[in-house]
Amino acid sequence: MPDTKPRYKVTIRCTECGEKYILRGTPNSNGGFDTGFKRCVCGNEKKLDVDVSLE
C-alpha cells in the first residue's frame, strides 16, 4: 500500500483585494504546502495570509 501524506485545509486570503481561497494541500520538503495555488485573480503573488489546519 502506498505511503500517504496527511492532507491539510489551507486557507489563503489576499491582503490586496480580500479574495479568499480554501484548498487542500500536502506538506512539501521546503516546509510549506503543495496546493497548486499560483496567484490571486488580482495578480498578487506575495502578500498573502495563509492559515493551515489538519483536515
PDB file of N, CA and C in Angstrom:
ATOM      1  N   MET A   1       0.852  -1.176   0.000  1.00  0.00           N
ATOM      2  CA  MET A   1       0.000   0.000   0.000  1.00  0.00           C
ATOM      3  C   MET A   1       0.899   1.242   0.000  1.00  0.00           C
ATOM      4  N   PRO A   2       0.612   2.233  -0.843  1.00  0.00           N
ATOM      5  CA  PRO A   2       1.469   3.423  -0.906  1.00  0.00           C
ATOM      6  C   PRO A   2       1.384   4.257   0.367  1.00  0.00           C
ATOM      7  N   ASP A   3       2.496   4.895   0.691  1.00  0.00           N
ATOM      8  CA  ASP A   3       2.561   5.765   1.859  1.00  0.00           C
ATOM      9  C   ASP A   3       1.856   7.081   1.532  1.00  0.00           C
ATOM     10  N   THR A   4       0.864   7.473   2.308  1.00  0.00           N
ATOM     11  CA  THR A   4       0.118   8.704   2.031  1.00  0.00           C
ATOM     12  C   THR A   4       0.477   9.772   3.039  1.00  0.00           C
ATOM     13  N   LYS A   5       0.588  10.999   2.554  1.00  0.00           N
ATOM     14  CA  LYS A   5       0.856  12.134   3.429  1.00  0.00           C
ATOM     15  C   LYS A   5      -0.460  12.669   3.963  1.00  0.00           C
ATOM     16  N   PRO A   6      -0.464  13.207   5.165  1.00  0.00           N
ATOM     17  CA  PRO A   6      -1.710  13.795   5.678  1.00  0.00           C
ATOM     18  C   PRO A   6      -2.089  15.026   4.853  1.00  0.00           C
ATOM     19  N   ARG A   7      -3.386  15.242   4.685  1.00  0.00           N
ATOM     20  CA  ARG A   7      -3.849  16.403   3.937  1.00  0.00           C
ATOM     21  C   ARG A   7      -4.263  17.492   4.914  1.00  0.00           C
ATOM     22  N   TYR A   8      -4.062  18.729   4.478  1.00  0.00           N
ATOM     23  CA  TYR A   8      -4.364  19.880   5.305  1.00  0.00           C
ATOM     24  C   TYR A   8      -5.320  20.801   4.567  1.00  0.00           C
ATOM     25  N   LYS A   9      -6.142  21.501   5.338  1.00  0.00           N
ATOM     26  CA  LYS A   9      -7.012  22.541   4.791  1.00  0.00           C
ATOM     27  C   LYS A   9      -6.204  23.831   4.823  1.00  0.00           C
ATOM     28  N   VAL A  10      -5.959  24.421   3.663  1.00  0.00           N
ATOM     29  CA  VAL A  10      -5.149  25.627   3.549  1.00  0.00           C
ATOM     30  C   VAL A  10      -6.064  26.771   3.109  1.00  0.00           C
ATOM     31  N   THR A  11      -6.196  27.785   3.960  1.00  0.00           N
ATOM     32  CA  THR A  11      -6.998  28.953   3.643  1.00  0.00           C
ATOM     33  C   THR A  11      -6.050  30.090   3.295  1.00  0.00           C
ATOM     34  N   ILE A  12      -6.206  30.634   2.085  1.00  0.00           N
ATOM     35  CA  ILE A  12      -5.351  31.714   1.600  1.00  0.00           C
ATOM     36  C   ILE A  12      -6.220  32.946   1.385  1.00  0.00           C
ATOM     37  N   ARG A  13      -5.824  34.061   1.985  1.00  0.00           N
ATOM     38  CA  ARG A  13      -6.544  35.319   1.799  1.00  0.00           C
ATOM     39  C   ARG A  13      -5.578  36.357   1.237  1.00  0.00           C
ATOM     40  N   CYS A  14      -6.000  37.009   0.153  1.00  0.00           N
ATOM     41  CA  CYS A  14      -5.200  38.060  -0.472  1.00  0.00           C
ATOM     42  C   CYS A  14      -5.325  39.330   0.361  1.00  0.00           C
ATOM     43  N   THR A  15      -4.181  39.933   0.708  1.00  0.00           N
ATOM     44  CA  THR A  15      -4.208  41.153   1.511  1.00  0.00           C
ATOM     45  C   THR A  15      -4.468  42.391   0.660  1.00  0.00           C
ATOM     46  N   GLU A  16      -4.403  42.252  -0.664  1.00  0.00           N
ATOM     47  CA  GLU A  16      -4.642  43.403  -1.536  1.00  0.00           C
ATOM     48  C   GLU A  16      -6.120  43.556  -1.907  1.00  0.00           C
ATOM     49  N   CYS A  17      -6.779  42.466  -2.281  1.00  0.00           N
ATOM     50  CA  CYS A  17      -8.178  42.579  -2.725  1.00  0.00           C
ATOM     51  C   CYS A  17      -9.166  41.884  -1.786  1.00  0.00           C
ATOM     52  N   GLY A  18      -8.667  41.040  -0.865  1.00  0.00           N
ATOM     53  CA  GLY A  18      -9.549  40.375   0.095  1.00  0.00           C
ATOM     54  C   GLY A  18     -10.117  39.056  -0.384  1.00  0.00           C
ATOM     55  N   GLU A  19      -9.763  38.598  -1.572  1.00  0.00           N
ATOM     56  CA  GLU A  19     -10.253  37.323  -2.101  1.00  0.00           C
ATOM     57  C   GLU A  19      -9.784  36.185  -1.193  1.00  0.00           C
ATOM     58  N   LYS A  20     -10.640  35.153  -1.013  1.00  0.00           N
ATOM     59  CA  LYS A  20     -10.345  34.040  -0.120  1.00  0.00           C
ATOM     60  C   LYS A  20     -10.407  32.734  -0.894  1.00  0.00           C
ATOM     61  N   TYR A  21      -9.407  31.887  -0.688  1.00  0.00           N
ATOM     62  CA  TYR A  21      -9.333  30.583  -1.339  1.00  0.00           C
ATOM     63  C   TYR A  21      -9.197  29.516  -0.262  1.00  0.00           C
ATOM     64  N   ILE A  22      -9.958  28.435  -0.389  1.00  0.00           N
ATOM     65  CA  ILE A  22      -9.854  27.308   0.532  1.00  0.00           C
ATOM     66  C   ILE A  22      -9.446  26.098  -0.307  1.00  0.00           C
ATOM     67  N   LEU A  23      -8.259  25.560  -0.006  1.00  0.00           N
ATOM     68  CA  LEU A  23      -7.673  24.484  -0.802  1.00  0.00           C
ATOM     69  C   LEU A  23      -7.226  23.347   0.099  1.00  0.00           C
ATOM     70  N   ARG A  24      -6.953  22.193  -0.495  1.00  0.00           N
ATOM     71  CA  ARG A  24      -6.344  21.079   0.214  1.00  0.00           C
ATOM     72  C   ARG A  24      -4.882  21.037  -0.175  1.00  0.00           C
ATOM     73  N   GLY A  25      -4.031  20.720   0.793  1.00  0.00           N
ATOM     74  CA  GLY A  25      -2.609  20.663   0.498  1.00  0.00           C
ATOM     75  C   GLY A  25      -1.909  19.575   1.271  1.00  0.00           C
ATOM     76  N   THR A  26      -0.733  19.212   0.784  1.00  0.00           N
ATOM     77  CA  THR A  26       0.116  18.250   1.465  1.00  0.00           C
ATOM     78  C   THR A  26       1.447  18.917   1.764  1.00  0.00           C
ATOM     79  N   PRO A  27       2.101  18.524   2.853  1.00  0.00           N
ATOM     80  CA  PRO A  27       3.391  19.127   3.191  1.00  0.00           C
ATOM     81  C   PRO A  27       4.431  18.826   2.108  1.00  0.00           C
ATOM     82  N   ASN A  28       5.314  19.807   1.851  1.00  0.00           N
ATOM     83  CA  ASN A  28       6.401  19.575   0.906  1.00  0.00           C
ATOM     84  C   ASN A  28       7.742  19.618   1.641  1.00  0.00           C
ATOM     85  N   SER A  29       8.809  19.357   0.943  1.00  0.00           N
ATOM     86  CA  SER A  29      10.132  19.272   1.568  1.00  0.00           C
ATOM     87  C   SER A  29      10.699  20.631   1.961  1.00  0.00           C
ATOM     88  N   ASN A  30      10.105  21.731   1.494  1.00  0.00           N
ATOM     89  CA  ASN A  30      10.581  23.074   1.816  1.00  0.00           C
ATOM     90  C   ASN A  30       9.939  23.645   3.070  1.00  0.00           C
ATOM     91  N   GLY A  31       9.089  22.881   3.736  1.00  0.00           N
ATOM     92  CA  GLY A  31       8.413  23.364   4.934  1.00  0.00           C
ATOM     93  C   GLY A  31       7.096  24.054   4.637  1.00  0.00           C
ATOM     94  N   GLY A  32       6.687  24.084   3.388  1.00  0.00           N
ATOM     95  CA  GLY A  32       5.413  24.692   3.000  1.00  0.00           C
ATOM     96  C   GLY A  32       4.400  23.628   2.649  1.00  0.00           C
ATOM     97  N   PHE A  33       3.402  24.016   1.857  1.00  0.00           N
ATOM     98  CA  PHE A  33       2.354  23.086   1.454  1.00  0.00           C
ATOM     99  C   PHE A  33       2.127  23.177  -0.043  1.00  0.00           C
ATOM    100  N   ASP A  34       1.944  22.030  -0.683  1.00  0.00           N
ATOM    101  CA  ASP A  34       1.633  21.976  -2.106  1.00  0.00           C
ATOM    102  C   ASP A  34       0.120  21.999  -2.269  1.00  0.00           C
ATOM    103  N   THR A  35      -0.397  23.083  -2.873  1.00  0.00           N
ATOM    104  CA  THR A  35      -1.833  23.210  -3.095  1.00  0.00           C
ATOM    105  C   THR A  35      -2.165  23.432  -4.566  1.00  0.00           C
ATOM    106  N   GLY A  36      -1.198  23.828  -5.363  1.00  0.00           N
ATOM    107  CA  GLY A  36      -1.444  24.180  -6.746  1.00  0.00           C
ATOM    108  C   GLY A  36      -1.747  25.656  -6.922  1.00  0.00           C
ATOM    109  N   PHE A  37      -1.826  26.409  -5.822  1.00  0.00           N
ATOM    110  CA  PHE A  37      -2.121  27.841  -5.881  1.00  0.00           C
ATOM    111  C   PHE A  37      -0.924  28.589  -6.455  1.00  0.00           C
ATOM    112  N   LYS A  38      -1.175  29.467  -7.431  1.00  0.00           N
ATOM    113  CA  LYS A  38      -0.111  30.257  -8.051  1.00  0.00           C
ATOM    114  C   LYS A  38      -0.212  31.727  -7.686  1.00  0.00           C
ATOM    115  N   ARG A  39      -1.383  32.348  -7.929  1.00  0.00           N
ATOM    116  CA  ARG A  39      -1.574  33.763  -7.611  1.00  0.00           C
ATOM    117  C   ARG A  39      -3.059  34.083  -7.565  1.00  0.00           C
ATOM    118  N   CYS A  40      -3.362  35.204  -6.930  1.00  0.00           N
ATOM    119  CA  CYS A  40      -4.737  35.672  -6.797  1.00  0.00           C
ATOM    120  C   CYS A  40      -5.239  36.184  -8.154  1.00  0.00           C
ATOM    121  N   VAL A  41      -6.541  36.321  -8.290  1.00  0.00           N
ATOM    122  CA  VAL A  41      -7.115  36.843  -9.529  1.00  0.00           C
ATOM    123  C   VAL A  41      -6.706  38.289  -9.784  1.00  0.00           C
ATOM    124  N   CYS A  42      -6.301  39.019  -8.736  1.00  0.00           N
ATOM    125  CA  CYS A  42      -5.852  40.401  -8.911  1.00  0.00           C
ATOM    126  C   CYS A  42      -4.380  40.465  -9.332  1.00  0.00           C
ATOM    127  N   GLY A  43      -3.692  39.327  -9.398  1.00  0.00           N
ATOM    128  CA  GLY A  43      -2.303  39.277  -9.816  1.00  0.00           C
ATOM    129  C   GLY A  43      -1.310  39.220  -8.670  1.00  0.00           C
ATOM    130  N   ASN A  44      -1.772  39.310  -7.442  1.00  0.00           N
ATOM    131  CA  ASN A  44      -0.906  39.282  -6.269  1.00  0.00           C
ATOM    132  C   ASN A  44      -0.335  37.874  -6.073  1.00  0.00           C
ATOM    133  N   GLU A  45       0.993  37.791  -5.905  1.00  0.00           N
ATOM    134  CA  GLU A  45       1.649  36.507  -5.641  1.00  0.00           C
ATOM    135  C   GLU A  45       2.361  36.466  -4.296  1.00  0.00           C
ATOM    136  N   LYS A  46       2.604  37.617  -3.680  1.00  0.00           N
ATOM    137  CA  LYS A  46       3.463  37.674  -2.494  1.00  0.00           C
ATOM    138  C   LYS A  46       2.726  38.011  -1.199  1.00  0.00           C
ATOM    139  N   LYS A  47       1.825  38.969  -1.209  1.00  0.00           N
ATOM    140  CA  LYS A  47       1.170  39.442   0.023  1.00  0.00           C
ATOM    141  C   LYS A  47      -0.085  38.623   0.300  1.00  0.00           C
ATOM    142  N   LEU A  48       0.118  37.444   0.913  1.00  0.00           N
ATOM    143  CA  LEU A  48      -0.983  36.537   1.181  1.00  0.00           C
ATOM    144  C   LEU A  48      -0.948  36.093   2.632  1.00  0.00           C
ATOM    145  N   ASP A  49      -2.125  36.011   3.259  1.00  0.00           N
ATOM    146  CA  ASP A  49      -2.256  35.431   4.588  1.00  0.00           C
ATOM    147  C   ASP A  49      -2.633  33.980   4.422  1.00  0.00           C
ATOM    148  N   VAL A  50      -1.855  33.086   5.030  1.00  0.00           N
ATOM    149  CA  VAL A  50      -2.084  31.643   4.876  1.00  0.00           C
ATOM    150  C   VAL A  50      -2.360  31.051   6.247  1.00  0.00           C
ATOM    151  N   ASP A  51      -3.466  30.289   6.350  1.00  0.00           N
ATOM    152  CA  ASP A  51      -3.833  29.598   7.585  1.00  0.00           C
ATOM    153  C   ASP A  51      -3.963  28.114   7.260  1.00  0.00           C
ATOM    154  N   VAL A  52      -3.336  27.247   8.055  1.00  0.00           N
ATOM    155  CA  VAL A  52      -3.322  25.814   7.791  1.00  0.00           C
ATOM    156  C   VAL A  52      -3.899  25.065   8.981  1.00  0.00           C
ATOM    157  N   SER A  53      -4.778  24.103   8.703  1.00  0.00           N
ATOM    158  CA  SER A  53      -5.302  23.237   9.744  1.00  0.00           C
ATOM    159  C   SER A  53      -5.419  21.814   9.207  1.00  0.00           C
ATOM    160  N   LEU A  54      -5.296  20.834  10.089  1.00  0.00           N
ATOM    161  CA  LEU A  54      -5.386  19.438   9.683  1.00  0.00           C
ATOM    162  C   LEU A  54      -6.803  19.136   9.226  1.00  0.00           C
ATOM    163  N   GLU A  55      -6.927  18.441   8.128  1.00  0.00           N
ATOM    164  CA  GLU A  55      -8.246  18.140   7.549  1.00  0.00           C
ATOM    165  C   GLU A  55      -8.915  17.005   8.269  1.00  0.00           C
TER     166      GLU A  55
END
